[in-house]
Amino acid sequence: MGIRNTEQQWGWPSKLLHWSTALLILIQIPLGFYADDLANSPLKLELFGWHKSFGILILILAVLRLLWRMAGSIPALPDASFVQRRLANLGHSLLYGLMLVLPLSGWIMSSAANRPINWFWIIELPALTGPDKALKEIAEEVHEVSVILLLVVLAVHIGAALWHHFTLRDSVVKRMWF
């Protein structure tokens, strides 16, 4: 397994970034829903501290993924029709967009609510805005709608991967696996 992506295979940095982001998202979504449902308590604050830290980590990984993707080639879909390629591009664009929008809307929401983000309790991130109740409400709405959209796009992404693996029996999933 090489470092660089090729026309047939994803390189190990792409695979590492993909699977680490996937794992964080699988932790992040239930963590956010669970913490949101809790009554105000020290546990709720701690869980949201983890949620915010994981969110910023996802943002960093998403930026790294985009930079790495732009720096190299992208393996072609085997025997894919024009429509399949366009749908795959749309799905990936939505995933990347949501990996940016969700952490940024969360960061704006925290900033507007005057609740700093202490990234893994190591560094306090700068506020993106001053306290602003209206902006906090908008960012919260964007965050909530985006997570629902992410769940839908993830379901389609995973479904498409399973379809490629079990129905088409092509190499799409194998190329992203270690």
Protein backbone atom coordinates (compact mmCIF):
# COMPACT_ATOMS: atom_id res chain seq x y z
CA MET A 1 0.00 0.00 0.00
CA GLY A 2 1.58 3.24 -1.14
CA ILE A 3 1.37 6.74 0.19
CA ARG A 4 -0.11 8.35 -2.90
CA ASN A 5 -3.51 7.61 -4.38
CA THR A 6 -3.44 5.88 -7.75
CA GLU A 7 -6.09 5.30 -10.40
CA GLN A 8 -6.79 1.88 -8.82
CA GLN A 9 -6.13 2.34 -5.09
CA TRP A 10 -6.39 4.85 -2.26
CA GLY A 11 -3.08 5.53 -0.53
CA TRP A 12 -2.68 4.86 3.18
CA PRO A 13 -3.07 8.55 4.20
CA SER A 14 -6.47 8.65 2.45
CA LYS A 15 -7.51 5.41 4.14
CA LEU A 16 -6.33 6.57 7.56
CA LEU A 17 -8.12 9.91 7.20
CA HIS A 18 -11.29 8.20 5.92
CA TRP A 19 -11.56 5.61 8.68
CA SER A 20 -10.52 7.91 11.53
CA THR A 21 -13.11 10.46 10.40
CA ALA A 22 -15.73 7.72 10.05
CA LEU A 23 -15.02 6.46 13.58
CA LEU A 24 -15.20 9.96 15.04
CA ILE A 25 -18.49 10.66 13.27
CA LEU A 26 -19.94 7.37 14.57
CA ILE A 27 -18.98 8.47 18.10
CA GLN A 28 -19.95 12.10 17.59
CA ILE A 29 -23.56 11.71 16.47
CA PRO A 30 -24.85 9.61 19.40
CA LEU A 31 -22.69 11.61 21.82
CA GLY A 32 -24.29 14.86 20.66
CA PHE A 33 -27.83 13.49 20.86
CA TYR A 34 -27.20 11.94 24.28
CA ALA A 35 -25.58 15.05 25.76
CA ASP A 36 -28.35 17.26 24.37
CA ASP A 37 -31.01 15.14 26.09
CA LEU A 38 -29.36 15.37 29.52
CA ALA A 39 -30.50 17.83 32.15
CA ASN A 40 -27.99 20.55 32.97
CA SER A 41 -25.28 18.89 35.02
CA PRO A 42 -21.50 18.48 35.23
CA LEU A 43 -21.85 15.31 33.11
CA LYS A 44 -23.64 17.24 30.35
CA LEU A 45 -20.88 19.88 30.34
CA GLU A 46 -18.18 17.21 30.19
CA LEU A 47 -19.89 15.31 27.37
CA PHE A 48 -20.33 18.52 25.38
CA GLY A 49 -16.64 19.24 26.01
CA TRP A 50 -15.84 15.92 24.33
CA HIS A 51 -18.40 16.59 21.59
CA LYS A 52 -16.84 19.97 20.80
CA SER A 53 -13.31 18.55 20.89
CA PHE A 54 -14.22 15.69 18.55
CA GLY A 55 -16.02 18.16 16.29
CA ILE A 56 -12.92 20.35 15.93
CA LEU A 57 -10.83 17.22 15.29
CA ILE A 58 -13.27 16.22 12.53
CA LEU A 59 -12.93 19.74 11.08
CA ILE A 60 -9.13 19.42 11.06
CA LEU A 61 -9.29 15.95 9.49
CA ALA A 62 -11.80 17.15 6.87
CA VAL A 63 -9.49 20.01 5.86
CA LEU A 64 -6.55 17.58 5.68
CA ARG A 65 -8.66 15.17 3.60
CA LEU A 66 -9.62 17.92 1.17
CA LEU A 67 -6.02 19.12 0.83
CA TRP A 68 -4.76 15.56 0.32
CA ARG A 69 -7.53 14.86 -2.18
CA MET A 70 -6.68 18.01 -4.16
CA ALA A 71 -2.96 17.16 -4.13
CA GLY A 72 -3.34 13.75 -5.77
CA SER A 73 -5.43 11.58 -7.99
CA ILE A 74 -8.73 9.95 -7.11
CA PRO A 75 -9.29 6.30 -8.03
CA ALA A 76 -11.87 5.95 -10.77
CA LEU A 77 -15.10 4.08 -10.12
CA PRO A 78 -14.88 0.71 -11.90
CA ASP A 79 -17.40 0.34 -14.73
CA ALA A 80 -19.53 3.21 -13.44
CA SER A 81 -22.05 4.96 -15.62
CA PHE A 82 -22.09 8.74 -15.99
CA VAL A 83 -25.05 8.94 -13.58
CA GLN A 84 -23.30 6.75 -10.99
CA ARG A 85 -20.17 8.91 -11.17
CA ARG A 86 -22.23 12.09 -10.78
CA LEU A 87 -24.14 10.64 -7.82
CA ALA A 88 -20.89 9.51 -6.18
CA ASN A 89 -19.43 13.00 -6.67
CA LEU A 90 -22.57 14.58 -5.23
CA GLY A 91 -22.51 12.26 -2.23
CA HIS A 92 -18.85 12.91 -1.51
CA SER A 93 -19.33 16.66 -1.94
CA LEU A 94 -22.20 16.57 0.56
CA LEU A 95 -20.13 14.55 3.02
CA TYR A 96 -17.18 16.94 2.80
CA GLY A 97 -19.47 19.96 3.04
CA LEU A 98 -21.19 18.56 6.12
CA MET A 99 -17.83 17.69 7.73
CA LEU A 100 -17.08 21.42 7.48
CA VAL A 101 -20.53 22.89 8.20
CA LEU A 102 -21.26 20.83 11.32
CA PRO A 103 -18.10 21.69 13.28
CA LEU A 104 -18.16 25.32 12.13
CA SER A 105 -21.83 25.77 13.04
CA GLY A 106 -21.10 24.17 16.42
CA TRP A 107 -18.14 26.51 16.95
CA ILE A 108 -20.25 29.54 15.98
CA MET A 109 -23.06 28.32 18.26
CA SER A 110 -20.64 27.97 21.19
CA SER A 111 -19.05 31.34 20.48
CA ALA A 112 -22.41 33.13 20.17
CA ALA A 113 -23.56 31.48 23.43
CA ASN A 114 -20.33 32.67 25.09
CA ARG A 115 -19.31 29.07 25.84
CA PRO A 116 -15.65 28.64 24.94
CA ILE A 117 -14.29 25.52 23.31
CA ASN A 118 -11.41 24.03 25.28
CA TRP A 119 -10.04 21.60 22.72
CA PHE A 120 -9.36 18.37 24.64
CA TRP A 121 -8.74 20.60 27.68
CA ILE A 122 -5.40 21.63 26.12
CA ILE A 123 -6.11 24.89 24.32
CA GLU A 124 -9.00 27.33 24.37
CA LEU A 125 -10.03 28.11 20.82
CA PRO A 126 -10.77 31.71 19.91
CA ALA A 127 -14.41 32.70 19.68
CA LEU A 128 -15.61 33.14 16.10
CA THR A 129 -18.10 35.78 17.22
CA GLY A 130 -19.13 37.67 20.31
CA PRO A 131 -22.20 36.76 22.35
CA ASP A 132 -25.24 36.96 20.08
CA LYS A 133 -28.47 35.16 20.94
CA ALA A 134 -29.96 35.43 17.44
CA LEU A 135 -26.79 34.10 15.80
CA LYS A 136 -26.65 31.27 18.35
CA GLU A 137 -30.20 30.25 17.38
CA ILE A 138 -29.36 30.33 13.66
CA ALA A 139 -26.16 28.30 14.16
CA GLU A 140 -28.07 25.82 16.31
CA GLU A 141 -30.71 25.37 13.59
CA VAL A 142 -28.01 24.91 10.93
CA HIS A 143 -26.29 22.36 13.20
CA GLU A 144 -29.49 20.39 13.84
CA VAL A 145 -30.60 20.33 10.19
CA SER A 146 -27.08 19.42 9.07
CA VAL A 147 -26.83 16.43 11.41
CA ILE A 148 -30.11 15.06 10.03
CA LEU A 149 -28.82 15.56 6.49
CA LEU A 150 -25.55 13.87 7.50
CA LEU A 151 -27.46 10.83 8.78
CA VAL A 152 -29.27 10.55 5.44
CA VAL A 153 -26.11 11.02 3.36
CA LEU A 154 -24.20 8.52 5.54
CA ALA A 155 -26.97 5.95 5.13
CA VAL A 156 -26.81 6.38 1.34
CA HIS A 157 -22.97 6.28 1.40
CA ILE A 158 -22.88 3.08 3.46
CA GLY A 159 -25.69 1.58 1.40
CA ALA A 160 -23.82 2.34 -1.82
CA ALA A 161 -20.64 0.78 -0.41
CA LEU A 162 -22.55 -2.37 0.56
CA TRP A 163 -24.22 -2.46 -2.88
CA HIS A 164 -20.80 -2.25 -4.57
CA HIS A 165 -19.38 -4.96 -2.32
CA PHE A 166 -22.21 -7.49 -2.18
CA THR A 167 -24.21 -6.88 -5.38
CA LEU A 168 -21.73 -5.58 -7.93
CA ARG A 169 -18.82 -7.41 -6.30
CA ASP A 170 -16.40 -4.76 -7.53
CA SER A 171 -13.32 -3.31 -5.84
CA VAL A 172 -14.78 -0.03 -4.51
CA VAL A 173 -14.81 -1.09 -0.84
CA LYS A 174 -11.58 -3.10 -1.06
CA ARG A 175 -9.72 -0.05 -2.38
CA MET A 176 -10.59 1.92 0.78
CA TRP A 177 -9.93 -0.94 3.21
CA PHE A 178 -6.50 -1.63 4.71
